Amino acid sequence: MVHVDGSVTTCCLDEHMENRIGNLRETPLAQLWNGEIMNAWRRAHVEGRFEDSGPLCPRCNWRSAGATPDETVEAWLARVGDDALIERWRARRRRRR
């Protein structure tokens, strides 16, 4: 989500910028989107560590908000190339089923 002042956050519900990842006036969106802050946030979500993703994530009803499809997660994991993370993701998926 991009706010009117250029601040970027991980969530459209983050009106107080608790999960702020940067500002478009200072950093290009591609750099923010693919940067270490977002990748750490993604890793925490992939592993189910929502409490490590910021104060909003543990109490989010992400399924109703539009969960990221498994195929999209798998594609990101393939790009990252972290084999241990891929295995943790697949183990979590098996437990969910």
PDB file of N, CA and C in Angstrom:
ATOM      1  N   MET A   1       0.844  -1.167   0.000  1.00  0.00           N
ATOM      2  CA  MET A   1       0.000   0.000   0.000  1.00  0.00           C
ATOM      3  C   MET A   1       0.893   1.235   0.000  1.00  0.00           C
ATOM      4  N   VAL A   2       0.550   2.172  -0.853  1.00  0.00           N
ATOM      5  CA  VAL A   2       1.288   3.428  -0.920  1.00  0.00           C
ATOM      6  C   VAL A   2       0.386   4.535  -0.384  1.00  0.00           C
ATOM      7  N   HIS A   3       0.883   5.266   0.595  1.00  0.00           N
ATOM      8  CA  HIS A   3       0.139   6.380   1.168  1.00  0.00           C
ATOM      9  C   HIS A   3       0.420   7.652   0.375  1.00  0.00           C
ATOM     10  N   VAL A   4      -0.390   8.649   0.578  1.00  0.00           N
ATOM     11  CA  VAL A   4      -0.316   9.883  -0.198  1.00  0.00           C
ATOM     12  C   VAL A   4       1.046  10.570  -0.073  1.00  0.00           C
ATOM     13  N   ASP A   5       1.745  10.389   1.037  1.00  0.00           N
ATOM     14  CA  ASP A   5       3.056  11.019   1.206  1.00  0.00           C
ATOM     15  C   ASP A   5       4.201  10.198   0.604  1.00  0.00           C
ATOM     16  N   GLY A   6       3.856   9.062  -0.032  1.00  0.00           N
ATOM     17  CA  GLY A   6       4.867   8.210  -0.649  1.00  0.00           C
ATOM     18  C   GLY A   6       5.325   7.060   0.227  1.00  0.00           C
ATOM     19  N   SER A   7       4.858   7.021   1.480  1.00  0.00           N
ATOM     20  CA  SER A   7       5.230   5.923   2.367  1.00  0.00           C
ATOM     21  C   SER A   7       4.601   4.626   1.891  1.00  0.00           C
ATOM     22  N   VAL A   8       5.368   3.548   1.990  1.00  0.00           N
ATOM     23  CA  VAL A   8       4.920   2.231   1.546  1.00  0.00           C
ATOM     24  C   VAL A   8       4.868   1.314   2.756  1.00  0.00           C
ATOM     25  N   THR A   9       3.764   0.564   2.850  1.00  0.00           N
ATOM     26  CA  THR A   9       3.583  -0.397   3.928  1.00  0.00           C
ATOM     27  C   THR A   9       3.184  -1.740   3.333  1.00  0.00           C
ATOM     28  N   THR A  10       3.234  -2.772   4.139  1.00  0.00           N
ATOM     29  CA  THR A  10       2.929  -4.119   3.667  1.00  0.00           C
ATOM     30  C   THR A  10       1.441  -4.393   3.534  1.00  0.00           C
ATOM     31  N   CYS A  11       0.598  -3.512   4.077  1.00  0.00           N
ATOM     32  CA  CYS A  11      -0.828  -3.852   4.178  1.00  0.00           C
ATOM     33  C   CYS A  11      -1.738  -2.648   3.997  1.00  0.00           C
ATOM     34  N   CYS A  12      -2.838  -2.854   3.317  1.00  0.00           N
ATOM     35  CA  CYS A  12      -3.810  -1.772   3.108  1.00  0.00           C
ATOM     36  C   CYS A  12      -4.521  -1.388   4.401  1.00  0.00           C
ATOM     37  N   LEU A  13      -4.458  -2.221   5.420  1.00  0.00           N
ATOM     38  CA  LEU A  13      -5.090  -1.923   6.710  1.00  0.00           C
ATOM     39  C   LEU A  13      -4.149  -1.187   7.666  1.00  0.00           C
ATOM     40  N   ASP A  14      -2.940  -0.938   7.229  1.00  0.00           N
ATOM     41  CA  ASP A  14      -1.923  -0.317   8.091  1.00  0.00           C
ATOM     42  C   ASP A  14      -1.996   1.197   8.026  1.00  0.00           C
ATOM     43  N   GLU A  15      -3.060   1.754   8.567  1.00  0.00           N
ATOM     44  CA  GLU A  15      -3.265   3.205   8.492  1.00  0.00           C
ATOM     45  C   GLU A  15      -2.287   3.994   9.356  1.00  0.00           C
ATOM     46  N   HIS A  16      -1.668   3.351  10.340  1.00  0.00           N
ATOM     47  CA  HIS A  16      -0.710   4.037  11.220  1.00  0.00           C
ATOM     48  C   HIS A  16       0.740   3.742  10.843  1.00  0.00           C
ATOM     49  N   MET A  17       0.934   3.091   9.684  1.00  0.00           N
ATOM     50  CA  MET A  17       2.268   2.815   9.142  1.00  0.00           C
ATOM     51  C   MET A  17       3.134   1.992  10.109  1.00  0.00           C
ATOM     52  N   GLU A  18       2.530   1.012  10.749  1.00  0.00           N
ATOM     53  CA  GLU A  18       3.264   0.151  11.681  1.00  0.00           C
ATOM     54  C   GLU A  18       4.210  -0.799  10.943  1.00  0.00           C
ATOM     55  N   ASN A  19       3.892  -1.123   9.700  1.00  0.00           N
ATOM     56  CA  ASN A  19       4.734  -2.014   8.890  1.00  0.00           C
ATOM     57  C   ASN A  19       5.378  -1.250   7.740  1.00  0.00           C
ATOM     58  N   ARG A  20       5.752  -0.010   7.975  1.00  0.00           N
ATOM     59  CA  ARG A  20       6.341   0.835   6.938  1.00  0.00           C
ATOM     60  C   ARG A  20       7.640   0.218   6.439  1.00  0.00           C
ATOM     61  N   ILE A  21       7.788   0.148   5.113  1.00  0.00           N
ATOM     62  CA  ILE A  21       9.011  -0.415   4.534  1.00  0.00           C
ATOM     63  C   ILE A  21       9.859   0.628   3.816  1.00  0.00           C
ATOM     64  N   GLY A  22       9.358   1.831   3.672  1.00  0.00           N
ATOM     65  CA  GLY A  22      10.131   2.880   3.022  1.00  0.00           C
ATOM     66  C   GLY A  22       9.234   3.938   2.420  1.00  0.00           C
ATOM     67  N   ASN A  23       9.838   4.799   1.593  1.00  0.00           N
ATOM     68  CA  ASN A  23       9.121   5.896   0.962  1.00  0.00           C
ATOM     69  C   ASN A  23       9.563   6.014  -0.493  1.00  0.00           C
ATOM     70  N   LEU A  24       8.584   6.158  -1.379  1.00  0.00           N
ATOM     71  CA  LEU A  24       8.873   6.238  -2.818  1.00  0.00           C
ATOM     72  C   LEU A  24       9.630   7.498  -3.209  1.00  0.00           C
ATOM     73  N   ARG A  25       9.594   8.496  -2.372  1.00  0.00           N
ATOM     74  CA  ARG A  25      10.354   9.719  -2.665  1.00  0.00           C
ATOM     75  C   ARG A  25      11.849   9.503  -2.438  1.00  0.00           C
ATOM     76  N   GLU A  26      12.168   8.460  -1.685  1.00  0.00           N
ATOM     77  CA  GLU A  26      13.562   8.178  -1.361  1.00  0.00           C
ATOM     78  C   GLU A  26      14.093   6.927  -2.059  1.00  0.00           C
ATOM     79  N   THR A  27      13.192   5.963  -2.326  1.00  0.00           N
ATOM     80  CA  THR A  27      13.611   4.661  -2.839  1.00  0.00           C
ATOM     81  C   THR A  27      12.629   4.187  -3.902  1.00  0.00           C
ATOM     82  N   PRO A  28      13.096   3.700  -5.037  1.00  0.00           N
ATOM     83  CA  PRO A  28      12.188   3.183  -6.066  1.00  0.00           C
ATOM     84  C   PRO A  28      11.373   1.993  -5.538  1.00  0.00           C
ATOM     85  N   LEU A  29      10.148   1.868  -6.021  1.00  0.00           N
ATOM     86  CA  LEU A  29       9.260   0.796  -5.580  1.00  0.00           C
ATOM     87  C   LEU A  29       9.886  -0.579  -5.792  1.00  0.00           C
ATOM     88  N   ALA A  30      10.508  -0.804  -6.926  1.00  0.00           N
ATOM     89  CA  ALA A  30      11.127  -2.116  -7.189  1.00  0.00           C
ATOM     90  C   ALA A  30      12.163  -2.457  -6.126  1.00  0.00           C
ATOM     91  N   GLN A  31      12.915  -1.461  -5.682  1.00  0.00           N
ATOM     92  CA  GLN A  31      13.926  -1.699  -4.651  1.00  0.00           C
ATOM     93  C   GLN A  31      13.263  -2.020  -3.318  1.00  0.00           C
ATOM     94  N   LEU A  32      12.186  -1.323  -2.979  1.00  0.00           N
ATOM     95  CA  LEU A  32      11.457  -1.625  -1.743  1.00  0.00           C
ATOM     96  C   LEU A  32      10.818  -3.009  -1.820  1.00  0.00           C
ATOM     97  N   TRP A  33      10.146  -3.288  -2.934  1.00  0.00           N
ATOM     98  CA  TRP A  33       9.405  -4.545  -3.107  1.00  0.00           C
ATOM     99  C   TRP A  33      10.319  -5.761  -3.060  1.00  0.00           C
ATOM    100  N   ASN A  34      11.522  -5.622  -3.590  1.00  0.00           N
ATOM    101  CA  ASN A  34      12.466  -6.740  -3.649  1.00  0.00           C
ATOM    102  C   ASN A  34      13.574  -6.629  -2.611  1.00  0.00           C
ATOM    103  N   GLY A  35      13.450  -5.664  -1.702  1.00  0.00           N
ATOM    104  CA  GLY A  35      14.496  -5.430  -0.713  1.00  0.00           C
ATOM    105  C   GLY A  35      14.450  -6.396   0.461  1.00  0.00           C
ATOM    106  N   GLU A  36      15.425  -6.267   1.313  1.00  0.00           N
ATOM    107  CA  GLU A  36      15.579  -7.185   2.437  1.00  0.00           C
ATOM    108  C   GLU A  36      14.420  -7.095   3.432  1.00  0.00           C
ATOM    109  N   ILE A  37      13.867  -5.907   3.643  1.00  0.00           N
ATOM    110  CA  ILE A  37      12.742  -5.786   4.587  1.00  0.00           C
ATOM    111  C   ILE A  37      11.566  -6.622   4.097  1.00  0.00           C
ATOM    112  N   MET A  38      11.198  -6.471   2.828  1.00  0.00           N
ATOM    113  CA  MET A  38      10.066  -7.243   2.290  1.00  0.00           C
ATOM    114  C   MET A  38      10.387  -8.727   2.239  1.00  0.00           C
ATOM    115  N   ASN A  39      11.613  -9.084   1.891  1.00  0.00           N
ATOM    116  CA  ASN A  39      11.966 -10.499   1.838  1.00  0.00           C
ATOM    117  C   ASN A  39      11.949 -11.132   3.227  1.00  0.00           C
ATOM    118  N   ALA A  40      12.375 -10.388   4.244  1.00  0.00           N
ATOM    119  CA  ALA A  40      12.287 -10.905   5.622  1.00  0.00           C
ATOM    120  C   ALA A  40      10.822 -11.074   6.019  1.00  0.00           C
ATOM    121  N   TRP A  41       9.977 -10.120   5.619  1.00  0.00           N
ATOM    122  CA  TRP A  41       8.540 -10.196   5.899  1.00  0.00           C
ATOM    123  C   TRP A  41       7.940 -11.419   5.200  1.00  0.00           C
ATOM    124  N   ARG A  42       8.305 -11.634   3.948  1.00  0.00           N
ATOM    125  CA  ARG A  42       7.807 -12.800   3.204  1.00  0.00           C
ATOM    126  C   ARG A  42       8.265 -14.108   3.846  1.00  0.00           C
ATOM    127  N   ARG A  43       9.546 -14.156   4.226  1.00  0.00           N
ATOM    128  CA  ARG A  43      10.059 -15.381   4.866  1.00  0.00           C
ATOM    129  C   ARG A  43       9.279 -15.691   6.142  1.00  0.00           C
ATOM    130  N   ALA A  44       9.029 -14.678   6.944  1.00  0.00           N
ATOM    131  CA  ALA A  44       8.277 -14.885   8.186  1.00  0.00           C
ATOM    132  C   ALA A  44       6.883 -15.423   7.877  1.00  0.00           C
ATOM    133  N   HIS A  45       6.242 -14.890   6.852  1.00  0.00           N
ATOM    134  CA  HIS A  45       4.908 -15.376   6.480  1.00  0.00           C
ATOM    135  C   HIS A  45       4.960 -16.804   5.962  1.00  0.00           C
ATOM    136  N   VAL A  46       5.936 -17.111   5.126  1.00  0.00           N
ATOM    137  CA  VAL A  46       6.077 -18.460   4.585  1.00  0.00           C
ATOM    138  C   VAL A  46       6.234 -19.469   5.720  1.00  0.00           C
ATOM    139  N   GLU A  47       6.964 -19.066   6.760  1.00  0.00           N
ATOM    140  CA  GLU A  47       7.214 -19.961   7.883  1.00  0.00           C
ATOM    141  C   GLU A  47       6.122 -19.911   8.952  1.00  0.00           C
ATOM    142  N   GLY A  48       5.126 -19.042   8.763  1.00  0.00           N
ATOM    143  CA  GLY A  48       4.053 -18.944   9.753  1.00  0.00           C
ATOM    144  C   GLY A  48       4.439 -18.149  10.987  1.00  0.00           C
ATOM    145  N   ARG A  49       5.508 -17.369  10.908  1.00  0.00           N
ATOM    146  CA  ARG A  49       5.960 -16.540  12.026  1.00  0.00           C
ATOM    147  C   ARG A  49       5.370 -15.139  11.892  1.00  0.00           C
ATOM    148  N   PHE A  50       4.056 -15.038  11.962  1.00  0.00           N
ATOM    149  CA  PHE A  50       3.375 -13.772  11.721  1.00  0.00           C
ATOM    150  C   PHE A  50       3.755 -12.707  12.748  1.00  0.00           C
ATOM    151  N   GLU A  51       4.079 -13.134  13.959  1.00  0.00           N
ATOM    152  CA  GLU A  51       4.484 -12.177  14.996  1.00  0.00           C
ATOM    153  C   GLU A  51       5.792 -11.473  14.629  1.00  0.00           C
ATOM    154  N   ASP A  52       6.587 -12.054  13.745  1.00  0.00           N
ATOM    155  CA  ASP A  52       7.834 -11.435  13.295  1.00  0.00           C
ATOM    156  C   ASP A  52       7.638 -10.535  12.077  1.00  0.00           C
ATOM    157  N   SER A  53       6.400 -10.404  11.631  1.00  0.00           N
ATOM    158  CA  SER A  53       6.102  -9.625  10.423  1.00  0.00           C
ATOM    159  C   SER A  53       5.576  -8.236  10.734  1.00  0.00           C
ATOM    160  N   GLY A  54       5.448  -7.907  11.982  1.00  0.00           N
ATOM    161  CA  GLY A  54       4.914  -6.617  12.363  1.00  0.00           C
ATOM    162  C   GLY A  54       3.697  -6.788  13.251  1.00  0.00           C
ATOM    163  N   PRO A  55       3.280  -5.716  13.891  1.00  0.00           N
ATOM    164  CA  PRO A  55       2.213  -5.804  14.889  1.00  0.00           C
ATOM    165  C   PRO A  55       0.833  -6.159  14.328  1.00  0.00           C
ATOM    166  N   LEU A  56       0.597  -5.955  13.057  1.00  0.00           N
ATOM    167  CA  LEU A  56      -0.724  -6.243  12.487  1.00  0.00           C
ATOM    168  C   LEU A  56      -0.896  -7.700  12.087  1.00  0.00           C
ATOM    169  N   CYS A  57       0.162  -8.337  11.687  1.00  0.00           N
ATOM    170  CA  CYS A  57       0.076  -9.666  11.072  1.00  0.00           C
ATOM    171  C   CYS A  57      -0.478 -10.774  11.977  1.00  0.00           C
ATOM    172  N   PRO A  58      -0.119 -10.833  13.261  1.00  0.00           N
ATOM    173  CA  PRO A  58      -0.643 -11.934  14.084  1.00  0.00           C
ATOM    174  C   PRO A  58      -2.163 -11.918  14.241  1.00  0.00           C
ATOM    175  N   ARG A  59      -2.767 -10.754  14.144  1.00  0.00           N
ATOM    176  CA  ARG A  59      -4.218 -10.680  14.341  1.00  0.00           C
ATOM    177  C   ARG A  59      -5.000 -10.522  13.031  1.00  0.00           C
ATOM    178  N   CYS A  60      -4.323 -10.702  11.918  1.00  0.00           N
ATOM    179  CA  CYS A  60      -4.956 -10.543  10.609  1.00  0.00           C
ATOM    180  C   CYS A  60      -5.757 -11.780  10.219  1.00  0.00           C
ATOM    181  N   ASN A  61      -6.902 -11.560   9.625  1.00  0.00           N
ATOM    182  CA  ASN A  61      -7.686 -12.638   9.037  1.00  0.00           C
ATOM    183  C   ASN A  61      -7.327 -12.678   7.554  1.00  0.00           C
ATOM    184  N   TRP A  62      -6.116 -13.112   7.258  1.00  0.00           N
ATOM    185  CA  TRP A  62      -5.563 -13.045   5.906  1.00  0.00           C
ATOM    186  C   TRP A  62      -6.353 -13.846   4.896  1.00  0.00           C
ATOM    187  N   ARG A  63      -7.048 -14.881   5.320  1.00  0.00           N
ATOM    188  CA  ARG A  63      -7.818 -15.665   4.343  1.00  0.00           C
ATOM    189  C   ARG A  63      -8.929 -14.811   3.724  1.00  0.00           C
ATOM    190  N   SER A  64      -9.599 -14.014   4.529  1.00  0.00           N
ATOM    191  CA  SER A  64     -10.657 -13.174   3.979  1.00  0.00           C
ATOM    192  C   SER A  64     -10.087 -11.968   3.243  1.00  0.00           C
ATOM    193  N   ALA A  65      -8.857 -11.598   3.577  1.00  0.00           N
ATOM    194  CA  ALA A  65      -8.227 -10.451   2.927  1.00  0.00           C
ATOM    195  C   ALA A  65      -7.632 -10.816   1.573  1.00  0.00           C
ATOM    196  N   GLY A  66      -7.554 -12.098   1.269  1.00  0.00           N
ATOM    197  CA  GLY A  66      -7.003 -12.521  -0.008  1.00  0.00           C
ATOM    198  C   GLY A  66      -5.630 -13.130   0.152  1.00  0.00           C
ATOM    199  N   ALA A  67      -5.576 -14.365   0.515  1.00  0.00           N
ATOM    200  CA  ALA A  67      -4.300 -15.053   0.708  1.00  0.00           C
ATOM    201  C   ALA A  67      -3.560 -15.181  -0.616  1.00  0.00           C
ATOM    202  N   THR A  68      -2.266 -15.167  -0.549  1.00  0.00           N
ATOM    203  CA  THR A  68      -1.450 -15.370  -1.740  1.00  0.00           C
ATOM    204  C   THR A  68      -1.564 -16.829  -2.162  1.00  0.00           C
ATOM    205  N   PRO A  69      -1.869 -17.078  -3.421  1.00  0.00           N
ATOM    206  CA  PRO A  69      -1.987 -18.467  -3.886  1.00  0.00           C
ATOM    207  C   PRO A  69      -0.676 -19.236  -3.699  1.00  0.00           C
ATOM    208  N   ASP A  70      -0.794 -20.515  -3.401  1.00  0.00           N
ATOM    209  CA  ASP A  70       0.378 -21.357  -3.195  1.00  0.00           C
ATOM    210  C   ASP A  70       1.339 -21.294  -4.379  1.00  0.00           C
ATOM    211  N   GLU A  71       0.815 -21.209  -5.593  1.00  0.00           N
ATOM    212  CA  GLU A  71       1.667 -21.166  -6.778  1.00  0.00           C
ATOM    213  C   GLU A  71       2.548 -19.914  -6.782  1.00  0.00           C
ATOM    214  N   THR A  72       2.010 -18.797  -6.316  1.00  0.00           N
ATOM    215  CA  THR A  72       2.770 -17.551  -6.261  1.00  0.00           C
ATOM    216  C   THR A  72       3.873 -17.656  -5.219  1.00  0.00           C
ATOM    217  N   VAL A  73       3.540 -18.254  -4.078  1.00  0.00           N
ATOM    218  CA  VAL A  73       4.541 -18.460  -3.030  1.00  0.00           C
ATOM    219  C   VAL A  73       5.655 -19.367  -3.548  1.00  0.00           C
ATOM    220  N   GLU A  74       5.276 -20.465  -4.189  1.00  0.00           N
ATOM    221  CA  GLU A  74       6.273 -21.394  -4.744  1.00  0.00           C
ATOM    222  C   GLU A  74       7.184 -20.693  -5.756  1.00  0.00           C
ATOM    223  N   ALA A  75       6.624 -19.834  -6.592  1.00  0.00           N
ATOM    224  CA  ALA A  75       7.427 -19.117  -7.591  1.00  0.00           C
ATOM    225  C   ALA A  75       8.428 -18.186  -6.912  1.00  0.00           C
ATOM    226  N   TRP A  76       7.996 -17.485  -5.860  1.00  0.00           N
ATOM    227  CA  TRP A  76       8.912 -16.602  -5.127  1.00  0.00           C
ATOM    228  C   TRP A  76      10.015 -17.422  -4.472  1.00  0.00           C
ATOM    229  N   LEU A  77       9.636 -18.528  -3.858  1.00  0.00           N
ATOM    230  CA  LEU A  77      10.623 -19.382  -3.212  1.00  0.00           C
ATOM    231  C   LEU A  77      11.653 -19.906  -4.219  1.00  0.00           C
ATOM    232  N   ALA A  78      11.212 -20.246  -5.407  1.00  0.00           N
ATOM    233  CA  ALA A  78      12.127 -20.713  -6.445  1.00  0.00           C
ATOM    234  C   ALA A  78      13.108 -19.605  -6.833  1.00  0.00           C
ATOM    235  N   ARG A  79      12.608 -18.362  -6.934  1.00  0.00           N
ATOM    236  CA  ARG A  79      13.493 -17.236  -7.267  1.00  0.00           C
ATOM    237  C   ARG A  79      14.507 -16.983  -6.164  1.00  0.00           C
ATOM    238  N   VAL A  80      14.064 -17.098  -4.911  1.00  0.00           N
ATOM    239  CA  VAL A  80      14.957 -16.865  -3.779  1.00  0.00           C
ATOM    240  C   VAL A  80      16.022 -17.951  -3.702  1.00  0.00           C
ATOM    241  N   GLY A  81      15.619 -19.183  -4.004  1.00  0.00           N
ATOM    242  CA  GLY A  81      16.563 -20.288  -4.041  1.00  0.00           C
ATOM    243  C   GLY A  81      17.037 -20.771  -2.684  1.00  0.00           C
ATOM    244  N   ASP A  82      16.231 -20.567  -1.650  1.00  0.00           N
ATOM    245  CA  ASP A  82      16.579 -21.015  -0.295  1.00  0.00           C
ATOM    246  C   ASP A  82      15.951 -22.382  -0.073  1.00  0.00           C
ATOM    247  N   ASP A  83      16.726 -23.435  -0.274  1.00  0.00           N
ATOM    248  CA  ASP A  83      16.199 -24.797  -0.202  1.00  0.00           C
ATOM    249  C   ASP A  83      15.588 -25.122   1.156  1.00  0.00           C
ATOM    250  N   ALA A  84      16.213 -24.658   2.229  1.00  0.00           N
ATOM    251  CA  ALA A  84      15.673 -24.928   3.572  1.00  0.00           C
ATOM    252  C   ALA A  84      14.317 -24.253   3.751  1.00  0.00           C
ATOM    253  N   LEU A  85      14.178 -23.040   3.242  1.00  0.00           N
ATOM    254  CA  LEU A  85      12.906 -22.327   3.330  1.00  0.00           C
ATOM    255  C   LEU A  85      11.835 -23.025   2.494  1.00  0.00           C
ATOM    256  N   ILE A  86      12.203 -23.500   1.335  1.00  0.00           N
ATOM    257  CA  ILE A  86      11.264 -24.239   0.479  1.00  0.00           C
ATOM    258  C   ILE A  86      10.761 -25.473   1.211  1.00  0.00           C
ATOM    259  N   GLU A  87      11.635 -26.195   1.876  1.00  0.00           N
ATOM    260  CA  GLU A  87      11.219 -27.396   2.613  1.00  0.00           C
ATOM    261  C   GLU A  87      10.304 -27.044   3.782  1.00  0.00           C
ATOM    262  N   ARG A  88      10.601 -25.953   4.494  1.00  0.00           N
ATOM    263  CA  ARG A  88       9.722 -25.531   5.607  1.00  0.00           C
ATOM    264  C   ARG A  88       8.342 -25.156   5.079  1.00  0.00           C
ATOM    265  N   TRP A  89       8.290 -24.480   3.929  1.00  0.00           N
ATOM    266  CA  TRP A  89       7.017 -24.105   3.314  1.00  0.00           C
ATOM    267  C   TRP A  89       6.212 -25.349   2.939  1.00  0.00           C
ATOM    268  N   ARG A  90       6.860 -26.285   2.308  1.00  0.00           N
ATOM    269  CA  ARG A  90       6.159 -27.501   1.900  1.00  0.00           C
ATOM    270  C   ARG A  90       5.661 -28.281   3.110  1.00  0.00           C
ATOM    271  N   ALA A  91       6.430 -28.308   4.188  1.00  0.00           N
ATOM    272  CA  ALA A  91       5.991 -28.989   5.411  1.00  0.00           C
ATOM    273  C   ALA A  91       4.768 -28.290   6.000  1.00  0.00           C
ATOM    274  N   ARG A  92       4.759 -26.974   6.007  1.00  0.00           N
ATOM    275  CA  ARG A  92       3.586 -26.227   6.503  1.00  0.00           C
ATOM    276  C   ARG A  92       2.363 -26.519   5.645  1.00  0.00           C
ATOM    277  N   ARG A  93       2.548 -26.568   4.339  1.00  0.00           N
ATOM    278  CA  ARG A  93       1.420 -26.867   3.437  1.00  0.00           C
ATOM    279  C   ARG A  93       0.850 -28.237   3.721  1.00  0.00           C
ATOM    280  N   ARG A  94       1.730 -29.215   3.942  1.00  0.00           N
ATOM    281  CA  ARG A  94       1.248 -30.573   4.235  1.00  0.00           C
ATOM    282  C   ARG A  94       0.432 -30.599   5.525  1.00  0.00           C
ATOM    283  N   ARG A  95       0.867 -29.836   6.532  1.00  0.00           N
ATOM    284  CA  ARG A  95       0.134 -29.779   7.814  1.00  0.00           C
ATOM    285  C   ARG A  95      -1.214 -29.110   7.649  1.00  0.00           C
ATOM    286  N   ARG A  96      -1.315 -28.140   6.737  1.00  0.00           N
ATOM    287  CA  ARG A  96      -2.591 -27.417   6.525  1.00  0.00           C
ATOM    288  C   ARG A  96      -3.632 -28.288   5.861  1.00  0.00           C
ATOM    289  N   ARG A  97      -3.217 -29.275   5.117  1.00  0.00           N
ATOM    290  CA  ARG A  97      -4.148 -30.098   4.347  1.00  0.00           C
ATOM    291  C   ARG A  97      -4.832 -31.116   5.188  1.00  0.00           C
TER     292      ARG A  97
END
